[in-house]
Amino acid sequence: PADVFGLKDRGRIAVGNAADLVVLDPRTVASGPLERRYDLPEGEERLIAKATGIDAVIVNGRQLPAPDAPAAEPLAGRVLPMREAEPA
């Protein structure tokens, strides 16, 4: 996926790359049912699907808190901007 999105320092565990990892159990990883949330600015909605079978998410070498746990400090990483699709 990193190559598809043009992320040069991600997608492989290697010296010099960002330490972004997802620890999962391939036998149990799955997506839960879709849920509507109204937590965007001005009450706008979004759809989410909670994951199962994911043991940890590590961003920039720091483990993120569990999805329902409060974050004790600002989260690592940043939201990447959308990139225009390349012509097929």
PDB file of N, CA and C in Angstrom:
ATOM      1  N   PRO A   1       0.807  -1.215   0.000  1.00  0.00           N
ATOM      2  CA  PRO A   1       0.000   0.000   0.000  1.00  0.00           C
ATOM      3  C   PRO A   1       0.851   1.281   0.000  1.00  0.00           C
ATOM      4  N   ALA A   2       1.986   1.259   0.680  1.00  0.00           N
ATOM      5  CA  ALA A   2       2.829   2.461   0.715  1.00  0.00           C
ATOM      6  C   ALA A   2       3.290   2.838  -0.690  1.00  0.00           C
ATOM      7  N   ASP A   3       3.660   1.859  -1.489  1.00  0.00           N
ATOM      8  CA  ASP A   3       4.093   2.143  -2.860  1.00  0.00           C
ATOM      9  C   ASP A   3       2.951   2.738  -3.689  1.00  0.00           C
ATOM     10  N   VAL A   4       1.747   2.198  -3.524  1.00  0.00           N
ATOM     11  CA  VAL A   4       0.592   2.674  -4.282  1.00  0.00           C
ATOM     12  C   VAL A   4       0.331   4.150  -3.990  1.00  0.00           C
ATOM     13  N   PHE A   5       0.501   4.550  -2.715  1.00  0.00           N
ATOM     14  CA  PHE A   5       0.223   5.928  -2.323  1.00  0.00           C
ATOM     15  C   PHE A   5       1.455   6.825  -2.400  1.00  0.00           C
ATOM     16  N   GLY A   6       2.570   6.297  -2.902  1.00  0.00           N
ATOM     17  CA  GLY A   6       3.760   7.114  -3.093  1.00  0.00           C
ATOM     18  C   GLY A   6       4.466   7.497  -1.807  1.00  0.00           C
ATOM     19  N   LEU A   7       4.325   6.685  -0.759  1.00  0.00           N
ATOM     20  CA  LEU A   7       4.984   6.965   0.516  1.00  0.00           C
ATOM     21  C   LEU A   7       6.364   6.324   0.490  1.00  0.00           C
ATOM     22  N   LYS A   8       7.389   7.134   0.314  1.00  0.00           N
ATOM     23  CA  LYS A   8       8.746   6.623   0.061  1.00  0.00           C
ATOM     24  C   LYS A   8       9.407   5.977   1.273  1.00  0.00           C
ATOM     25  N   ASP A   9       9.145   6.463   2.490  1.00  0.00           N
ATOM     26  CA  ASP A   9       9.854   5.938   3.656  1.00  0.00           C
ATOM     27  C   ASP A   9       8.977   5.018   4.509  1.00  0.00           C
ATOM     28  N   ARG A  10       7.997   4.387   3.881  1.00  0.00           N
ATOM     29  CA  ARG A  10       7.085   3.496   4.601  1.00  0.00           C
ATOM     30  C   ARG A  10       6.853   2.224   3.793  1.00  0.00           C
ATOM     31  N   GLY A  11       6.220   1.251   4.448  1.00  0.00           N
ATOM     32  CA  GLY A  11       5.835   0.037   3.743  1.00  0.00           C
ATOM     33  C   GLY A  11       6.799  -1.124   3.915  1.00  0.00           C
ATOM     34  N   ARG A  12       7.966  -0.859   4.492  1.00  0.00           N
ATOM     35  CA  ARG A  12       8.957  -1.911   4.730  1.00  0.00           C
ATOM     36  C   ARG A  12       9.620  -1.661   6.072  1.00  0.00           C
ATOM     37  N   ILE A  13       9.965  -2.734   6.772  1.00  0.00           N
ATOM     38  CA  ILE A  13      10.729  -2.606   8.007  1.00  0.00           C
ATOM     39  C   ILE A  13      12.194  -2.517   7.606  1.00  0.00           C
ATOM     40  N   ALA A  14      12.765  -1.317   7.687  1.00  0.00           N
ATOM     41  CA  ALA A  14      14.139  -1.095   7.257  1.00  0.00           C
ATOM     42  C   ALA A  14      14.713   0.130   7.961  1.00  0.00           C
ATOM     43  N   VAL A  15      16.021   0.150   8.116  1.00  0.00           N
ATOM     44  CA  VAL A  15      16.709   1.295   8.717  1.00  0.00           C
ATOM     45  C   VAL A  15      16.390   2.541   7.890  1.00  0.00           C
ATOM     46  N   GLY A  16      16.024   3.615   8.570  1.00  0.00           N
ATOM     47  CA  GLY A  16      15.714   4.871   7.909  1.00  0.00           C
ATOM     48  C   GLY A  16      14.246   5.056   7.571  1.00  0.00           C
ATOM     49  N   ASN A  17      13.458   3.988   7.593  1.00  0.00           N
ATOM     50  CA  ASN A  17      12.024   4.102   7.332  1.00  0.00           C
ATOM     51  C   ASN A  17      11.283   4.487   8.606  1.00  0.00           C
ATOM     52  N   ALA A  18      10.097   5.051   8.433  1.00  0.00           N
ATOM     53  CA  ALA A  18       9.246   5.353   9.585  1.00  0.00           C
ATOM     54  C   ALA A  18       8.864   4.043  10.262  1.00  0.00           C
ATOM     55  N   ALA A  19       8.789   4.071  11.584  1.00  0.00           N
ATOM     56  CA  ALA A  19       8.460   2.859  12.345  1.00  0.00           C
ATOM     57  C   ALA A  19       6.950   2.760  12.522  1.00  0.00           C
ATOM     58  N   ASP A  20       6.233   2.518  11.440  1.00  0.00           N
ATOM     59  CA  ASP A  20       4.780   2.354  11.460  1.00  0.00           C
ATOM     60  C   ASP A  20       4.463   0.884  11.254  1.00  0.00           C
ATOM     61  N   LEU A  21       3.812   0.260  12.238  1.00  0.00           N
ATOM     62  CA  LEU A  21       3.505  -1.163  12.165  1.00  0.00           C
ATOM     63  C   LEU A  21       2.095  -1.428  12.671  1.00  0.00           C
ATOM     64  N   VAL A  22       1.480  -2.468  12.143  1.00  0.00           N
ATOM     65  CA  VAL A  22       0.218  -2.980  12.671  1.00  0.00           C
ATOM     66  C   VAL A  22       0.471  -4.431  13.042  1.00  0.00           C
ATOM     67  N   VAL A  23       0.221  -4.765  14.316  1.00  0.00           N
ATOM     68  CA  VAL A  23       0.397  -6.135  14.801  1.00  0.00           C
ATOM     69  C   VAL A  23      -0.989  -6.771  14.802  1.00  0.00           C
ATOM     70  N   LEU A  24      -1.151  -7.826  13.997  1.00  0.00           N
ATOM     71  CA  LEU A  24      -2.473  -8.431  13.863  1.00  0.00           C
ATOM     72  C   LEU A  24      -2.398  -9.950  13.823  1.00  0.00           C
ATOM     73  N   ASP A  25      -3.539 -10.546  14.064  1.00  0.00           N
ATOM     74  CA  ASP A  25      -3.682 -11.991  13.960  1.00  0.00           C
ATOM     75  C   ASP A  25      -4.454 -12.263  12.674  1.00  0.00           C
ATOM     76  N   PRO A  26      -3.792 -12.801  11.633  1.00  0.00           N
ATOM     77  CA  PRO A  26      -4.479 -12.987  10.352  1.00  0.00           C
ATOM     78  C   PRO A  26      -5.675 -13.934  10.427  1.00  0.00           C
ATOM     79  N   ARG A  27      -5.733 -14.769  11.460  1.00  0.00           N
ATOM     80  CA  ARG A  27      -6.876 -15.692  11.590  1.00  0.00           C
ATOM     81  C   ARG A  27      -8.119 -14.997  12.109  1.00  0.00           C
ATOM     82  N   THR A  28      -7.944 -13.876  12.817  1.00  0.00           N
ATOM     83  CA  THR A  28      -9.108 -13.229  13.428  1.00  0.00           C
ATOM     84  C   THR A  28      -9.329 -11.789  12.978  1.00  0.00           C
ATOM     85  N   VAL A  29      -8.425 -11.230  12.181  1.00  0.00           N
ATOM     86  CA  VAL A  29      -8.606  -9.835  11.776  1.00  0.00           C
ATOM     87  C   VAL A  29      -9.855  -9.723  10.906  1.00  0.00           C
ATOM     88  N   ALA A  30     -10.673  -8.736  11.234  1.00  0.00           N
ATOM     89  CA  ALA A  30     -11.937  -8.549  10.519  1.00  0.00           C
ATOM     90  C   ALA A  30     -12.460  -7.142  10.788  1.00  0.00           C
ATOM     91  N   SER A  31     -13.441  -6.772  10.023  1.00  0.00           N
ATOM     92  CA  SER A  31     -14.107  -5.487  10.185  1.00  0.00           C
ATOM     93  C   SER A  31     -15.469  -5.724  10.817  1.00  0.00           C
ATOM     94  N   GLY A  32     -15.808  -4.889  11.782  1.00  0.00           N
ATOM     95  CA  GLY A  32     -17.124  -4.992  12.407  1.00  0.00           C
ATOM     96  C   GLY A  32     -18.178  -4.320  11.552  1.00  0.00           C
ATOM     97  N   PRO A  33     -19.394  -4.256  12.054  1.00  0.00           N
ATOM     98  CA  PRO A  33     -20.466  -3.617  11.287  1.00  0.00           C
ATOM     99  C   PRO A  33     -20.245  -2.106  11.172  1.00  0.00           C
ATOM    100  N   LEU A  34     -20.787  -1.526  10.119  1.00  0.00           N
ATOM    101  CA  LEU A  34     -20.696  -0.074   9.935  1.00  0.00           C
ATOM    102  C   LEU A  34     -21.519   0.641  10.996  1.00  0.00           C
ATOM    103  N   GLU A  35     -20.963   1.731  11.501  1.00  0.00           N
ATOM    104  CA  GLU A  35     -21.655   2.571  12.480  1.00  0.00           C
ATOM    105  C   GLU A  35     -21.572   4.016  12.006  1.00  0.00           C
ATOM    106  N   ARG A  36     -22.657   4.773  12.224  1.00  0.00           N
ATOM    107  CA  ARG A  36     -22.644   6.203  11.920  1.00  0.00           C
ATOM    108  C   ARG A  36     -22.192   6.950  13.161  1.00  0.00           C
ATOM    109  N   ARG A  37     -21.290   7.914  12.950  1.00  0.00           N
ATOM    110  CA  ARG A  37     -20.847   8.790  14.031  1.00  0.00           C
ATOM    111  C   ARG A  37     -21.084  10.222  13.567  1.00  0.00           C
ATOM    112  N   TYR A  38     -21.473  11.058  14.488  1.00  0.00           N
ATOM    113  CA  TYR A  38     -21.730  12.473  14.188  1.00  0.00           C
ATOM    114  C   TYR A  38     -20.751  13.337  14.990  1.00  0.00           C
ATOM    115  N   ASP A  39     -19.468  13.031  14.847  1.00  0.00           N
ATOM    116  CA  ASP A  39     -18.458  13.694  15.659  1.00  0.00           C
ATOM    117  C   ASP A  39     -17.507  14.578  14.861  1.00  0.00           C
ATOM    118  N   LEU A  40     -17.854  14.884  13.637  1.00  0.00           N
ATOM    119  CA  LEU A  40     -17.054  15.814  12.841  1.00  0.00           C
ATOM    120  C   LEU A  40     -17.530  17.238  13.121  1.00  0.00           C
ATOM    121  N   PRO A  41     -16.747  18.237  12.732  1.00  0.00           N
ATOM    122  CA  PRO A  41     -17.195  19.621  12.951  1.00  0.00           C
ATOM    123  C   PRO A  41     -18.609  19.854  12.422  1.00  0.00           C
ATOM    124  N   GLU A  42     -19.354  20.644  13.164  1.00  0.00           N
ATOM    125  CA  GLU A  42     -20.743  20.984  12.844  1.00  0.00           C
ATOM    126  C   GLU A  42     -21.648  19.762  12.824  1.00  0.00           C
ATOM    127  N   GLY A  43     -21.257  18.700  13.540  1.00  0.00           N
ATOM    128  CA  GLY A  43     -22.106  17.515  13.651  1.00  0.00           C
ATOM    129  C   GLY A  43     -22.187  16.666  12.400  1.00  0.00           C
ATOM    130  N   GLU A  44     -21.282  16.893  11.461  1.00  0.00           N
ATOM    131  CA  GLU A  44     -21.307  16.103  10.224  1.00  0.00           C
ATOM    132  C   GLU A  44     -21.060  14.636  10.551  1.00  0.00           C
ATOM    133  N   GLU A  45     -21.589  13.777   9.714  1.00  0.00           N
ATOM    134  CA  GLU A  45     -21.487  12.341   9.972  1.00  0.00           C
ATOM    135  C   GLU A  45     -20.318  11.696   9.241  1.00  0.00           C
ATOM    136  N   ARG A  46     -19.926  10.538   9.742  1.00  0.00           N
ATOM    137  CA  ARG A  46     -18.944   9.681   9.085  1.00  0.00           C
ATOM    138  C   ARG A  46     -19.305   8.244   9.420  1.00  0.00           C
ATOM    139  N   LEU A  47     -18.851   7.327   8.596  1.00  0.00           N
ATOM    140  CA  LEU A  47     -19.053   5.899   8.847  1.00  0.00           C
ATOM    141  C   LEU A  47     -17.762   5.315   9.386  1.00  0.00           C
ATOM    142  N   ILE A  48     -17.879   4.445  10.395  1.00  0.00           N
ATOM    143  CA  ILE A  48     -16.719   3.727  10.908  1.00  0.00           C
ATOM    144  C   ILE A  48     -17.063   2.242  10.982  1.00  0.00           C
ATOM    145  N   ALA A  49     -16.051   1.421  11.024  1.00  0.00           N
ATOM    146  CA  ALA A  49     -16.197  -0.010  11.259  1.00  0.00           C
ATOM    147  C   ALA A  49     -15.044  -0.400  12.173  1.00  0.00           C
ATOM    148  N   LYS A  50     -15.356  -0.812  13.391  1.00  0.00           N
ATOM    149  CA  LYS A  50     -14.311  -1.180  14.340  1.00  0.00           C
ATOM    150  C   LYS A  50     -13.650  -2.480  13.884  1.00  0.00           C
ATOM    151  N   ALA A  51     -12.348  -2.554  14.101  1.00  0.00           N
ATOM    152  CA  ALA A  51     -11.580  -3.735  13.711  1.00  0.00           C
ATOM    153  C   ALA A  51     -11.452  -4.702  14.876  1.00  0.00           C
ATOM    154  N   THR A  52     -11.358  -5.978  14.554  1.00  0.00           N
ATOM    155  CA  THR A  52     -11.025  -6.995  15.549  1.00  0.00           C
ATOM    156  C   THR A  52      -9.770  -7.713  15.067  1.00  0.00           C
ATOM    157  N   GLY A  53      -9.073  -8.347  15.985  1.00  0.00           N
ATOM    158  CA  GLY A  53      -7.875  -9.099  15.626  1.00  0.00           C
ATOM    159  C   GLY A  53      -6.623  -8.257  15.484  1.00  0.00           C
ATOM    160  N   ILE A  54      -6.700  -6.970  15.834  1.00  0.00           N
ATOM    161  CA  ILE A  54      -5.527  -6.096  15.786  1.00  0.00           C
ATOM    162  C   ILE A  54      -5.035  -5.908  17.212  1.00  0.00           C
ATOM    163  N   ASP A  55      -3.805  -6.340  17.460  1.00  0.00           N
ATOM    164  CA  ASP A  55      -3.245  -6.288  18.802  1.00  0.00           C
ATOM    165  C   ASP A  55      -2.581  -4.957  19.123  1.00  0.00           C
ATOM    166  N   ALA A  56      -2.007  -4.291  18.131  1.00  0.00           N
ATOM    167  CA  ALA A  56      -1.321  -3.022  18.378  1.00  0.00           C
ATOM    168  C   ALA A  56      -1.143  -2.267  17.078  1.00  0.00           C
ATOM    169  N   VAL A  57      -1.128  -0.943  17.192  1.00  0.00           N
ATOM    170  CA  VAL A  57      -0.786  -0.065  16.081  1.00  0.00           C
ATOM    171  C   VAL A  57       0.345   0.821  16.588  1.00  0.00           C
ATOM    172  N   ILE A  58       1.444   0.839  15.841  1.00  0.00           N
ATOM    173  CA  ILE A  58       2.623   1.602  16.228  1.00  0.00           C
ATOM    174  C   ILE A  58       2.894   2.641  15.146  1.00  0.00           C
ATOM    175  N   VAL A  59       2.948   3.913  15.540  1.00  0.00           N
ATOM    176  CA  VAL A  59       3.179   5.018  14.610  1.00  0.00           C
ATOM    177  C   VAL A  59       4.418   5.770  15.076  1.00  0.00           C
ATOM    178  N   ASN A  60       5.360   5.949  14.163  1.00  0.00           N
ATOM    179  CA  ASN A  60       6.615   6.619  14.491  1.00  0.00           C
ATOM    180  C   ASN A  60       7.276   5.998  15.718  1.00  0.00           C
ATOM    181  N   GLY A  61       7.143   4.688  15.862  1.00  0.00           N
ATOM    182  CA  GLY A  61       7.785   3.978  16.959  1.00  0.00           C
ATOM    183  C   GLY A  61       7.049   4.040  18.279  1.00  0.00           C
ATOM    184  N   ARG A  62       5.869   4.661  18.304  1.00  0.00           N
ATOM    185  CA  ARG A  62       5.090   4.762  19.548  1.00  0.00           C
ATOM    186  C   ARG A  62       3.777   4.022  19.401  1.00  0.00           C
ATOM    187  N   GLN A  63       3.470   3.152  20.393  1.00  0.00           N
ATOM    188  CA  GLN A  63       2.217   2.401  20.345  1.00  0.00           C
ATOM    189  C   GLN A  63       1.050   3.325  20.657  1.00  0.00           C
ATOM    190  N   LEU A  64       0.019   3.264  19.807  1.00  0.00           N
ATOM    191  CA  LEU A  64      -1.180   4.056  20.036  1.00  0.00           C
ATOM    192  C   LEU A  64      -2.012   3.416  21.133  1.00  0.00           C
ATOM    193  N   PRO A  65      -2.788   4.226  21.864  1.00  0.00           N
ATOM    194  CA  PRO A  65      -3.677   3.635  22.876  1.00  0.00           C
ATOM    195  C   PRO A  65      -4.785   2.831  22.194  1.00  0.00           C
ATOM    196  N   ALA A  66      -5.407   1.951  22.948  1.00  0.00           N
ATOM    197  CA  ALA A  66      -6.543   1.178  22.438  1.00  0.00           C
ATOM    198  C   ALA A  66      -7.613   2.146  21.939  1.00  0.00           C
ATOM    199  N   PRO A  67      -8.429   1.743  20.962  1.00  0.00           N
ATOM    200  CA  PRO A  67      -9.397   2.669  20.359  1.00  0.00           C
ATOM    201  C   PRO A  67     -10.311   3.392  21.349  1.00  0.00           C
ATOM    202  N   ASP A  68     -10.725   2.729  22.424  1.00  0.00           N
ATOM    203  CA  ASP A  68     -11.642   3.373  23.366  1.00  0.00           C
ATOM    204  C   ASP A  68     -10.927   3.970  24.572  1.00  0.00           C
ATOM    205  N   ALA A  69      -9.594   3.916  24.596  1.00  0.00           N
ATOM    206  CA  ALA A  69      -8.827   4.463  25.721  1.00  0.00           C
ATOM    207  C   ALA A  69      -8.465   5.916  25.437  1.00  0.00           C
ATOM    208  N   PRO A  70      -8.480   6.754  26.465  1.00  0.00           N
ATOM    209  CA  PRO A  70      -8.081   8.147  26.242  1.00  0.00           C
ATOM    210  C   PRO A  70      -6.583   8.241  25.995  1.00  0.00           C
ATOM    211  N   ALA A  71      -6.185   9.168  25.170  1.00  0.00           N
ATOM    212  CA  ALA A  71      -4.768   9.376  24.887  1.00  0.00           C
ATOM    213  C   ALA A  71      -4.182  10.274  25.975  1.00  0.00           C
ATOM    214  N   ALA A  72      -3.069   9.838  26.582  1.00  0.00           N
ATOM    215  CA  ALA A  72      -2.433  10.617  27.648  1.00  0.00           C
ATOM    216  C   ALA A  72      -1.641  11.783  27.090  1.00  0.00           C
ATOM    217  N   GLU A  73      -1.286  11.715  25.830  1.00  0.00           N
ATOM    218  CA  GLU A  73      -0.498  12.772  25.186  1.00  0.00           C
ATOM    219  C   GLU A  73      -0.921  12.844  23.727  1.00  0.00           C
ATOM    220  N   PRO A  74      -0.491  13.870  23.003  1.00  0.00           N
ATOM    221  CA  PRO A  74      -0.867  13.937  21.582  1.00  0.00           C
ATOM    222  C   PRO A  74      -0.419  12.672  20.839  1.00  0.00           C
ATOM    223  N   LEU A  75      -1.244  12.223  19.921  1.00  0.00           N
ATOM    224  CA  LEU A  75      -0.935  11.016  19.163  1.00  0.00           C
ATOM    225  C   LEU A  75       0.175  11.267  18.157  1.00  0.00           C
ATOM    226  N   ALA A  76       0.938  10.231  17.883  1.00  0.00           N
ATOM    227  CA  ALA A  76       2.006  10.315  16.886  1.00  0.00           C
ATOM    228  C   ALA A  76       1.400  10.323  15.490  1.00  0.00           C
ATOM    229  N   GLY A  77       2.151  10.829  14.541  1.00  0.00           N
ATOM    230  CA  GLY A  77       1.734  10.789  13.148  1.00  0.00           C
ATOM    231  C   GLY A  77       0.890  11.984  12.753  1.00  0.00           C
ATOM    232  N   ARG A  78       0.421  11.937  11.513  1.00  0.00           N
ATOM    233  CA  ARG A  78      -0.416  13.002  10.975  1.00  0.00           C
ATOM    234  C   ARG A  78      -1.287  12.417   9.877  1.00  0.00           C
ATOM    235  N   VAL A  79      -2.363  13.097   9.560  1.00  0.00           N
ATOM    236  CA  VAL A  79      -3.246  12.681   8.482  1.00  0.00           C
ATOM    237  C   VAL A  79      -2.585  13.084   7.169  1.00  0.00           C
ATOM    238  N   LEU A  80      -2.507  12.137   6.247  1.00  0.00           N
ATOM    239  CA  LEU A  80      -1.890  12.416   4.951  1.00  0.00           C
ATOM    240  C   LEU A  80      -2.917  13.019   4.004  1.00  0.00           C
ATOM    241  N   PRO A  81      -2.506  13.993   3.185  1.00  0.00           N
ATOM    242  CA  PRO A  81      -3.452  14.592   2.244  1.00  0.00           C
ATOM    243  C   PRO A  81      -3.835  13.598   1.163  1.00  0.00           C
ATOM    244  N   MET A  82      -5.021  13.785   0.606  1.00  0.00           N
ATOM    245  CA  MET A  82      -5.465  12.941  -0.505  1.00  0.00           C
ATOM    246  C   MET A  82      -4.590  13.224  -1.710  1.00  0.00           C
ATOM    247  N   ARG A  83      -4.321  12.189  -2.470  1.00  0.00           N
ATOM    248  CA  ARG A  83      -3.499  12.325  -3.660  1.00  0.00           C
ATOM    249  C   ARG A  83      -4.342  11.967  -4.868  1.00  0.00           C
ATOM    250  N   GLU A  84      -4.191  12.709  -5.933  1.00  0.00           N
ATOM    251  CA  GLU A  84      -4.946  12.422  -7.156  1.00  0.00           C
ATOM    252  C   GLU A  84      -4.524  11.071  -7.703  1.00  0.00           C
ATOM    253  N   ALA A  85      -5.465  10.291  -8.174  1.00  0.00           N
ATOM    254  CA  ALA A  85      -5.171   8.988  -8.767  1.00  0.00           C
ATOM    255  C   ALA A  85      -4.433   9.191 -10.087  1.00  0.00           C
ATOM    256  N   GLU A  86      -3.481   8.319 -10.335  1.00  0.00           N
ATOM    257  CA  GLU A  86      -2.754   8.381 -11.606  1.00  0.00           C
ATOM    258  C   GLU A  86      -3.598   7.726 -12.681  1.00  0.00           C
ATOM    259  N   PRO A  87      -3.520   8.226 -13.919  1.00  0.00           N
ATOM    260  CA  PRO A  87      -4.304   7.618 -14.994  1.00  0.00           C
ATOM    261  C   PRO A  87      -3.908   6.169 -15.216  1.00  0.00           C
ATOM    262  N   ALA A  88      -4.878   5.350 -15.527  1.00  0.00           N
ATOM    263  CA  ALA A  88      -4.613   3.917 -15.739  1.00  0.00           C
ATOM    264  C   ALA A  88      -3.994   3.668 -17.095  1.00  0.00           C
TER     265      ALA A  88
END
